[in-house]
Amino acid sequence: MTTKSFEELKPKIQEAIEAKLKGSPIVDEDGFILVDGFFMPGFQKEISGSFVIGGPSVPAVAIVGKTTGRIYYFALKVLLPDLDI
């Protein structure tokens, strides 16, 4: 597995998100800003009072609407299916 930085992947990520948003009901009159970095939402097997660090996660990226401030997340593997992660 080759490690890629966000900056290396940013142009491809931006292009993939723009393609996904064409014809989408997600609309922001002033467009969106791509958040610089990856998000790693983690998953837990049980609902409990304690938070577990580590374990399974989904690498993701996010955009923020310039007008609405809404945040939308995209799974990185869906945007870049050929990426080895």
PDB file of N, CA and C in Angstrom:
ATOM      1  N   MET A   1       0.842  -1.180   0.000  1.00  0.00           N
ATOM      2  CA  MET A   1       0.000   0.000   0.000  1.00  0.00           C
ATOM      3  C   MET A   1       0.881   1.235   0.000  1.00  0.00           C
ATOM      4  N   THR A   2       0.648   2.139  -0.949  1.00  0.00           N
ATOM      5  CA  THR A   2       1.400   3.373  -1.049  1.00  0.00           C
ATOM      6  C   THR A   2       0.655   4.477  -0.322  1.00  0.00           C
ATOM      7  N   THR A   3       1.349   5.175   0.566  1.00  0.00           N
ATOM      8  CA  THR A   3       0.726   6.265   1.299  1.00  0.00           C
ATOM      9  C   THR A   3       0.723   7.517   0.440  1.00  0.00           C
ATOM     10  N   LYS A   4      -0.423   8.148   0.335  1.00  0.00           N
ATOM     11  CA  LYS A   4      -0.570   9.388  -0.420  1.00  0.00           C
ATOM     12  C   LYS A   4      -1.048  10.481   0.539  1.00  0.00           C
ATOM     13  N   SER A   5      -0.486  11.675   0.374  1.00  0.00           N
ATOM     14  CA  SER A   5      -0.925  12.790   1.205  1.00  0.00           C
ATOM     15  C   SER A   5      -2.193  13.399   0.625  1.00  0.00           C
ATOM     16  N   PHE A   6      -2.889  14.151   1.457  1.00  0.00           N
ATOM     17  CA  PHE A   6      -4.088  14.831   0.993  1.00  0.00           C
ATOM     18  C   PHE A   6      -3.747  15.757  -0.170  1.00  0.00           C
ATOM     19  N   GLU A   7      -2.653  16.471  -0.050  1.00  0.00           N
ATOM     20  CA  GLU A   7      -2.261  17.423  -1.102  1.00  0.00           C
ATOM     21  C   GLU A   7      -2.025  16.721  -2.438  1.00  0.00           C
ATOM     22  N   GLU A   8      -1.463  15.518  -2.399  1.00  0.00           N
ATOM     23  CA  GLU A   8      -1.250  14.758  -3.637  1.00  0.00           C
ATOM     24  C   GLU A   8      -2.570  14.345  -4.282  1.00  0.00           C
ATOM     25  N   LEU A   9      -3.541  13.995  -3.461  1.00  0.00           N
ATOM     26  CA  LEU A   9      -4.819  13.491  -3.953  1.00  0.00           C
ATOM     27  C   LEU A   9      -5.869  14.578  -4.175  1.00  0.00           C
ATOM     28  N   LYS A  10      -5.633  15.772  -3.661  1.00  0.00           N
ATOM     29  CA  LYS A  10      -6.640  16.839  -3.677  1.00  0.00           C
ATOM     30  C   LYS A  10      -7.225  17.109  -5.066  1.00  0.00           C
ATOM     31  N   PRO A  11      -6.422  17.250  -6.130  1.00  0.00           N
ATOM     32  CA  PRO A  11      -7.034  17.517  -7.445  1.00  0.00           C
ATOM     33  C   PRO A  11      -7.990  16.412  -7.903  1.00  0.00           C
ATOM     34  N   LYS A  12      -7.613  15.152  -7.664  1.00  0.00           N
ATOM     35  CA  LYS A  12      -8.473  14.030  -8.051  1.00  0.00           C
ATOM     36  C   LYS A  12      -9.738  13.988  -7.198  1.00  0.00           C
ATOM     37  N   ILE A  13      -9.601  14.290  -5.910  1.00  0.00           N
ATOM     38  CA  ILE A  13     -10.751  14.314  -5.003  1.00  0.00           C
ATOM     39  C   ILE A  13     -11.725  15.404  -5.433  1.00  0.00           C
ATOM     40  N   GLN A  14     -11.194  16.594  -5.695  1.00  0.00           N
ATOM     41  CA  GLN A  14     -12.030  17.724  -6.116  1.00  0.00           C
ATOM     42  C   GLN A  14     -12.800  17.378  -7.396  1.00  0.00           C
ATOM     43  N   GLU A  15     -12.103  16.792  -8.348  1.00  0.00           N
ATOM     44  CA  GLU A  15     -12.724  16.407  -9.618  1.00  0.00           C
ATOM     45  C   GLU A  15     -13.832  15.372  -9.408  1.00  0.00           C
ATOM     46  N   ALA A  16     -13.574  14.389  -8.565  1.00  0.00           N
ATOM     47  CA  ALA A  16     -14.561  13.335  -8.305  1.00  0.00           C
ATOM     48  C   ALA A  16     -15.795  13.894  -7.593  1.00  0.00           C
ATOM     49  N   ILE A  17     -15.593  14.805  -6.648  1.00  0.00           N
ATOM     50  CA  ILE A  17     -16.730  15.401  -5.939  1.00  0.00           C
ATOM     51  C   ILE A  17     -17.563  16.248  -6.900  1.00  0.00           C
ATOM     52  N   GLU A  18     -16.906  17.038  -7.720  1.00  0.00           N
ATOM     53  CA  GLU A  18     -17.635  17.860  -8.688  1.00  0.00           C
ATOM     54  C   GLU A  18     -18.477  16.980  -9.619  1.00  0.00           C
ATOM     55  N   ALA A  19     -17.938  15.832 -10.026  1.00  0.00           N
ATOM     56  CA  ALA A  19     -18.692  14.907 -10.878  1.00  0.00           C
ATOM     57  C   ALA A  19     -19.903  14.350 -10.128  1.00  0.00           C
ATOM     58  N   LYS A  20     -19.724  14.019  -8.847  1.00  0.00           N
ATOM     59  CA  LYS A  20     -20.838  13.487  -8.050  1.00  0.00           C
ATOM     60  C   LYS A  20     -21.933  14.535  -7.833  1.00  0.00           C
ATOM     61  N   LEU A  21     -21.557  15.814  -7.743  1.00  0.00           N
ATOM     62  CA  LEU A  21     -22.530  16.863  -7.449  1.00  0.00           C
ATOM     63  C   LEU A  21     -23.334  17.311  -8.667  1.00  0.00           C
ATOM     64  N   LYS A  22     -22.874  16.974  -9.871  1.00  0.00           N
ATOM     65  CA  LYS A  22     -23.631  17.355 -11.062  1.00  0.00           C
ATOM     66  C   LYS A  22     -24.991  16.679 -11.028  1.00  0.00           C
ATOM     67  N   GLY A  23     -26.030  17.493 -11.112  1.00  0.00           N
ATOM     68  CA  GLY A  23     -27.388  16.963 -11.086  1.00  0.00           C
ATOM     69  C   GLY A  23     -27.848  16.521  -9.712  1.00  0.00           C
ATOM     70  N   SER A  24     -27.083  16.823  -8.684  1.00  0.00           N
ATOM     71  CA  SER A  24     -27.410  16.410  -7.324  1.00  0.00           C
ATOM     72  C   SER A  24     -28.364  17.405  -6.661  1.00  0.00           C
ATOM     73  N   PRO A  25     -29.207  16.927  -5.753  1.00  0.00           N
ATOM     74  CA  PRO A  25     -30.069  17.858  -5.021  1.00  0.00           C
ATOM     75  C   PRO A  25     -29.296  18.689  -3.996  1.00  0.00           C
ATOM     76  N   ILE A  26     -28.042  18.345  -3.765  1.00  0.00           N
ATOM     77  CA  ILE A  26     -27.208  19.134  -2.850  1.00  0.00           C
ATOM     78  C   ILE A  26     -26.836  20.421  -3.587  1.00  0.00           C
ATOM     79  N   VAL A  27     -27.394  21.525  -3.129  1.00  0.00           N
ATOM     80  CA  VAL A  27     -27.155  22.787  -3.812  1.00  0.00           C
ATOM     81  C   VAL A  27     -26.744  23.838  -2.793  1.00  0.00           C
ATOM     82  N   ASP A  28     -25.736  24.617  -3.130  1.00  0.00           N
ATOM     83  CA  ASP A  28     -25.348  25.772  -2.333  1.00  0.00           C
ATOM     84  C   ASP A  28     -25.024  26.865  -3.338  1.00  0.00           C
ATOM     85  N   GLU A  29     -25.726  27.960  -3.268  1.00  0.00           N
ATOM     86  CA  GLU A  29     -25.615  28.979  -4.319  1.00  0.00           C
ATOM     87  C   GLU A  29     -24.207  29.510  -4.525  1.00  0.00           C
ATOM     88  N   ASP A  30     -23.375  29.498  -3.504  1.00  0.00           N
ATOM     89  CA  ASP A  30     -22.002  29.995  -3.641  1.00  0.00           C
ATOM     90  C   ASP A  30     -20.970  28.872  -3.782  1.00  0.00           C
ATOM     91  N   GLY A  31     -21.425  27.646  -3.877  1.00  0.00           N
ATOM     92  CA  GLY A  31     -20.506  26.526  -4.036  1.00  0.00           C
ATOM     93  C   GLY A  31     -20.030  25.956  -2.707  1.00  0.00           C
ATOM     94  N   PHE A  32     -18.974  25.151  -2.791  1.00  0.00           N
ATOM     95  CA  PHE A  32     -18.472  24.424  -1.631  1.00  0.00           C
ATOM     96  C   PHE A  32     -16.972  24.612  -1.478  1.00  0.00           C
ATOM     97  N   ILE A  33     -16.506  24.359  -0.273  1.00  0.00           N
ATOM     98  CA  ILE A  33     -15.071  24.352   0.026  1.00  0.00           C
ATOM     99  C   ILE A  33     -14.712  22.924   0.425  1.00  0.00           C
ATOM    100  N   LEU A  34     -13.667  22.374  -0.174  1.00  0.00           N
ATOM    101  CA  LEU A  34     -13.157  21.065   0.211  1.00  0.00           C
ATOM    102  C   LEU A  34     -12.295  21.247   1.458  1.00  0.00           C
ATOM    103  N   VAL A  35     -12.622  20.545   2.527  1.00  0.00           N
ATOM    104  CA  VAL A  35     -11.845  20.619   3.764  1.00  0.00           C
ATOM    105  C   VAL A  35     -10.510  19.922   3.528  1.00  0.00           C
ATOM    106  N   ASP A  36      -9.419  20.593   3.880  1.00  0.00           N
ATOM    107  CA  ASP A  36      -8.071  20.061   3.634  1.00  0.00           C
ATOM    108  C   ASP A  36      -7.696  18.994   4.657  1.00  0.00           C
ATOM    109  N   GLY A  37      -7.961  17.753   4.333  1.00  0.00           N
ATOM    110  CA  GLY A  37      -7.577  16.655   5.201  1.00  0.00           C
ATOM    111  C   GLY A  37      -8.576  15.519   5.128  1.00  0.00           C
ATOM    112  N   PHE A  38      -8.195  14.411   5.742  1.00  0.00           N
ATOM    113  CA  PHE A  38      -9.041  13.224   5.769  1.00  0.00           C
ATOM    114  C   PHE A  38      -9.754  13.124   7.110  1.00  0.00           C
ATOM    115  N   PHE A  39     -10.938  12.535   7.089  1.00  0.00           N
ATOM    116  CA  PHE A  39     -11.674  12.206   8.303  1.00  0.00           C
ATOM    117  C   PHE A  39     -11.681  10.691   8.398  1.00  0.00           C
ATOM    118  N   MET A  40     -11.607  10.179   9.597  1.00  0.00           N
ATOM    119  CA  MET A  40     -11.596   8.727   9.801  1.00  0.00           C
ATOM    120  C   MET A  40     -12.685   8.340  10.807  1.00  0.00           C
ATOM    121  N   PRO A  41     -13.963   8.391  10.377  1.00  0.00           N
ATOM    122  CA  PRO A  41     -15.022   7.993  11.302  1.00  0.00           C
ATOM    123  C   PRO A  41     -14.836   6.533  11.719  1.00  0.00           C
ATOM    124  N   GLY A  42     -14.821   6.312  13.010  1.00  0.00           N
ATOM    125  CA  GLY A  42     -14.636   4.962  13.530  1.00  0.00           C
ATOM    126  C   GLY A  42     -15.960   4.289  13.837  1.00  0.00           C
ATOM    127  N   PHE A  43     -15.907   2.972  13.939  1.00  0.00           N
ATOM    128  CA  PHE A  43     -17.092   2.181  14.229  1.00  0.00           C
ATOM    129  C   PHE A  43     -16.868   1.391  15.502  1.00  0.00           C
ATOM    130  N   GLN A  44     -17.948   1.209  16.265  1.00  0.00           N
ATOM    131  CA  GLN A  44     -17.892   0.418  17.487  1.00  0.00           C
ATOM    132  C   GLN A  44     -18.937  -0.669  17.407  1.00  0.00           C
ATOM    133  N   LYS A  45     -18.668  -1.794  18.025  1.00  0.00           N
ATOM    134  CA  LYS A  45     -19.574  -2.947  18.002  1.00  0.00           C
ATOM    135  C   LYS A  45     -20.720  -2.811  19.006  1.00  0.00           C
ATOM    136  N   GLU A  46     -20.552  -1.945  20.021  1.00  0.00           N
ATOM    137  CA  GLU A  46     -21.563  -1.816  21.056  1.00  0.00           C
ATOM    138  C   GLU A  46     -21.782  -0.353  21.407  1.00  0.00           C
ATOM    139  N   ILE A  47     -22.992  -0.067  21.854  1.00  0.00           N
ATOM    140  CA  ILE A  47     -23.280   1.261  22.387  1.00  0.00           C
ATOM    141  C   ILE A  47     -22.973   1.183  23.873  1.00  0.00           C
ATOM    142  N   SER A  48     -22.039   1.983  24.301  1.00  0.00           N
ATOM    143  CA  SER A  48     -21.682   1.978  25.722  1.00  0.00           C
ATOM    144  C   SER A  48     -21.234   3.373  26.114  1.00  0.00           C
ATOM    145  N   GLY A  49     -20.959   3.550  27.372  1.00  0.00           N
ATOM    146  CA  GLY A  49     -20.534   4.846  27.877  1.00  0.00           C
ATOM    147  C   GLY A  49     -19.090   5.168  27.551  1.00  0.00           C
ATOM    148  N   SER A  50     -18.334   4.188  27.076  1.00  0.00           N
ATOM    149  CA  SER A  50     -16.922   4.447  26.797  1.00  0.00           C
ATOM    150  C   SER A  50     -16.682   4.545  25.297  1.00  0.00           C
ATOM    151  N   PHE A  51     -15.731   5.344  24.933  1.00  0.00           N
ATOM    152  CA  PHE A  51     -15.358   5.541  23.539  1.00  0.00           C
ATOM    153  C   PHE A  51     -14.083   4.758  23.272  1.00  0.00           C
ATOM    154  N   VAL A  52     -14.093   3.940  22.231  1.00  0.00           N
ATOM    155  CA  VAL A  52     -12.950   3.108  21.901  1.00  0.00           C
ATOM    156  C   VAL A  52     -12.137   3.789  20.806  1.00  0.00           C
ATOM    157  N   ILE A  53     -10.848   3.963  21.043  1.00  0.00           N
ATOM    158  CA  ILE A  53      -9.955   4.551  20.042  1.00  0.00           C
ATOM    159  C   ILE A  53      -9.322   3.410  19.257  1.00  0.00           C
ATOM    160  N   GLY A  54      -9.283   3.577  17.942  1.00  0.00           N
ATOM    161  CA  GLY A  54      -8.733   2.525  17.089  1.00  0.00           C
ATOM    162  C   GLY A  54      -9.844   1.647  16.555  1.00  0.00           C
ATOM    163  N   GLY A  55      -9.474   0.691  15.778  1.00  0.00           N
ATOM    164  CA  GLY A  55     -10.473  -0.213  15.212  1.00  0.00           C
ATOM    165  C   GLY A  55     -10.869   0.194  13.812  1.00  0.00           C
ATOM    166  N   PRO A  56     -11.937  -0.407  13.287  1.00  0.00           N
ATOM    167  CA  PRO A  56     -12.332  -0.150  11.906  1.00  0.00           C
ATOM    168  C   PRO A  56     -12.777   1.300  11.692  1.00  0.00           C
ATOM    169  N   SER A  57     -12.456   1.834  10.528  1.00  0.00           N
ATOM    170  CA  SER A  57     -12.866   3.188  10.176  1.00  0.00           C
ATOM    171  C   SER A  57     -13.001   3.301   8.661  1.00  0.00           C
ATOM    172  N   VAL A  58     -13.621   4.380   8.214  1.00  0.00           N
ATOM    173  CA  VAL A  58     -13.804   4.638   6.790  1.00  0.00           C
ATOM    174  C   VAL A  58     -13.100   5.948   6.450  1.00  0.00           C
ATOM    175  N   PRO A  59     -12.028   5.905   5.648  1.00  0.00           N
ATOM    176  CA  PRO A  59     -11.390   7.152   5.231  1.00  0.00           C
ATOM    177  C   PRO A  59     -12.377   7.984   4.413  1.00  0.00           C
ATOM    178  N   ALA A  60     -12.517   9.256   4.769  1.00  0.00           N
ATOM    179  CA  ALA A  60     -13.486  10.121   4.116  1.00  0.00           C
ATOM    180  C   ALA A  60     -12.932  11.533   3.949  1.00  0.00           C
ATOM    181  N   VAL A  61     -13.593  12.301   3.095  1.00  0.00           N
ATOM    182  CA  VAL A  61     -13.302  13.718   2.932  1.00  0.00           C
ATOM    183  C   VAL A  61     -14.616  14.469   3.092  1.00  0.00           C
ATOM    184  N   ALA A  62     -14.518  15.792   3.275  1.00  0.00           N
ATOM    185  CA  ALA A  62     -15.729  16.579   3.491  1.00  0.00           C
ATOM    186  C   ALA A  62     -15.689  17.874   2.699  1.00  0.00           C
ATOM    187  N   ILE A  63     -16.892  18.348   2.359  1.00  0.00           N
ATOM    188  CA  ILE A  63     -17.047  19.668   1.772  1.00  0.00           C
ATOM    189  C   ILE A  63     -17.988  20.471   2.661  1.00  0.00           C
ATOM    190  N   VAL A  64     -17.836  21.809   2.622  1.00  0.00           N
ATOM    191  CA  VAL A  64     -18.687  22.696   3.404  1.00  0.00           C
ATOM    192  C   VAL A  64     -19.318  23.702   2.455  1.00  0.00           C
ATOM    193  N   GLY A  65     -20.628  23.855   2.531  1.00  0.00           N
ATOM    194  CA  GLY A  65     -21.333  24.824   1.702  1.00  0.00           C
ATOM    195  C   GLY A  65     -20.959  26.239   2.110  1.00  0.00           C
ATOM    196  N   LYS A  66     -20.593  27.068   1.142  1.00  0.00           N
ATOM    197  CA  LYS A  66     -20.184  28.450   1.431  1.00  0.00           C
ATOM    198  C   LYS A  66     -21.327  29.307   1.955  1.00  0.00           C
ATOM    199  N   THR A  67     -22.535  29.021   1.530  1.00  0.00           N
ATOM    200  CA  THR A  67     -23.687  29.797   1.986  1.00  0.00           C
ATOM    201  C   THR A  67     -24.343  29.156   3.206  1.00  0.00           C
ATOM    202  N   THR A  68     -24.594  27.866   3.116  1.00  0.00           N
ATOM    203  CA  THR A  68     -25.368  27.177   4.158  1.00  0.00           C
ATOM    204  C   THR A  68     -24.531  26.704   5.328  1.00  0.00           C
ATOM    205  N   GLY A  69     -23.245  26.437   5.095  1.00  0.00           N
ATOM    206  CA  GLY A  69     -22.404  25.870   6.142  1.00  0.00           C
ATOM    207  C   GLY A  69     -22.646  24.377   6.351  1.00  0.00           C
ATOM    208  N   ARG A  70     -23.472  23.777   5.511  1.00  0.00           N
ATOM    209  CA  ARG A  70     -23.722  22.335   5.623  1.00  0.00           C
ATOM    210  C   ARG A  70     -22.448  21.562   5.295  1.00  0.00           C
ATOM    211  N   ILE A  71     -22.257  20.477   6.019  1.00  0.00           N
ATOM    212  CA  ILE A  71     -21.088  19.621   5.799  1.00  0.00           C
ATOM    213  C   ILE A  71     -21.568  18.309   5.189  1.00  0.00           C
ATOM    214  N   TYR A  72     -20.907  17.896   4.102  1.00  0.00           N
ATOM    215  CA  TYR A  72     -21.202  16.630   3.452  1.00  0.00           C
ATOM    216  C   TYR A  72     -19.930  15.804   3.420  1.00  0.00           C
ATOM    217  N   TYR A  73     -20.043  14.537   3.792  1.00  0.00           N
ATOM    218  CA  TYR A  73     -18.914  13.620   3.805  1.00  0.00           C
ATOM    219  C   TYR A  73     -19.002  12.656   2.622  1.00  0.00           C
ATOM    220  N   PHE A  74     -17.845  12.286   2.095  1.00  0.00           N
ATOM    221  CA  PHE A  74     -17.758  11.333   1.000  1.00  0.00           C
ATOM    222  C   PHE A  74     -16.709  10.284   1.354  1.00  0.00           C
ATOM    223  N   ALA A  75     -17.067   9.019   1.223  1.00  0.00           N
ATOM    224  CA  ALA A  75     -16.094   7.945   1.441  1.00  0.00           C
ATOM    225  C   ALA A  75     -15.023   8.035   0.356  1.00  0.00           C
ATOM    226  N   LEU A  76     -13.770   8.051   0.758  1.00  0.00           N
ATOM    227  CA  LEU A  76     -12.657   8.216  -0.172  1.00  0.00           C
ATOM    228  C   LEU A  76     -12.632   7.115  -1.228  1.00  0.00           C
ATOM    229  N   LYS A  77     -12.908   5.893  -0.844  1.00  0.00           N
ATOM    230  CA  LYS A  77     -12.857   4.759  -1.776  1.00  0.00           C
ATOM    231  C   LYS A  77     -13.939   4.867  -2.852  1.00  0.00           C
ATOM    232  N   VAL A  78     -15.064   5.497  -2.543  1.00  0.00           N
ATOM    233  CA  VAL A  78     -16.120   5.691  -3.538  1.00  0.00           C
ATOM    234  C   VAL A  78     -15.677   6.766  -4.542  1.00  0.00           C
ATOM    235  N   LEU A  79     -15.017   7.800  -4.048  1.00  0.00           N
ATOM    236  CA  LEU A  79     -14.544   8.865  -4.946  1.00  0.00           C
ATOM    237  C   LEU A  79     -13.390   8.399  -5.826  1.00  0.00           C
ATOM    238  N   LEU A  80     -12.474   7.655  -5.220  1.00  0.00           N
ATOM    239  CA  LEU A  80     -11.267   7.191  -5.933  1.00  0.00           C
ATOM    240  C   LEU A  80     -11.165   5.668  -5.805  1.00  0.00           C
ATOM    241  N   PRO A  81     -11.997   4.945  -6.566  1.00  0.00           N
ATOM    242  CA  PRO A  81     -12.058   3.475  -6.398  1.00  0.00           C
ATOM    243  C   PRO A  81     -10.743   2.745  -6.694  1.00  0.00           C
ATOM    244  N   ASP A  82      -9.859   3.329  -7.466  1.00  0.00           N
ATOM    245  CA  ASP A  82      -8.589   2.672  -7.765  1.00  0.00           C
ATOM    246  C   ASP A  82      -7.512   2.927  -6.712  1.00  0.00           C
ATOM    247  N   LEU A  83      -7.827   3.756  -5.717  1.00  0.00           N
ATOM    248  CA  LEU A  83      -6.870   4.068  -4.664  1.00  0.00           C
ATOM    249  C   LEU A  83      -6.662   2.850  -3.787  1.00  0.00           C
ATOM    250  N   ASP A  84      -5.429   2.510  -3.533  1.00  0.00           N
ATOM    251  CA  ASP A  84      -5.094   1.342  -2.705  1.00  0.00           C
ATOM    252  C   ASP A  84      -5.071   1.758  -1.237  1.00  0.00           C
ATOM    253  N   ILE A  85      -6.205   1.529  -0.543  1.00  0.00           N
ATOM    254  CA  ILE A  85      -6.274   1.844   0.885  1.00  0.00           C
ATOM    255  C   ILE A  85      -6.775   0.669   1.666  1.00  0.00           C
TER     256      ILE A  85
END
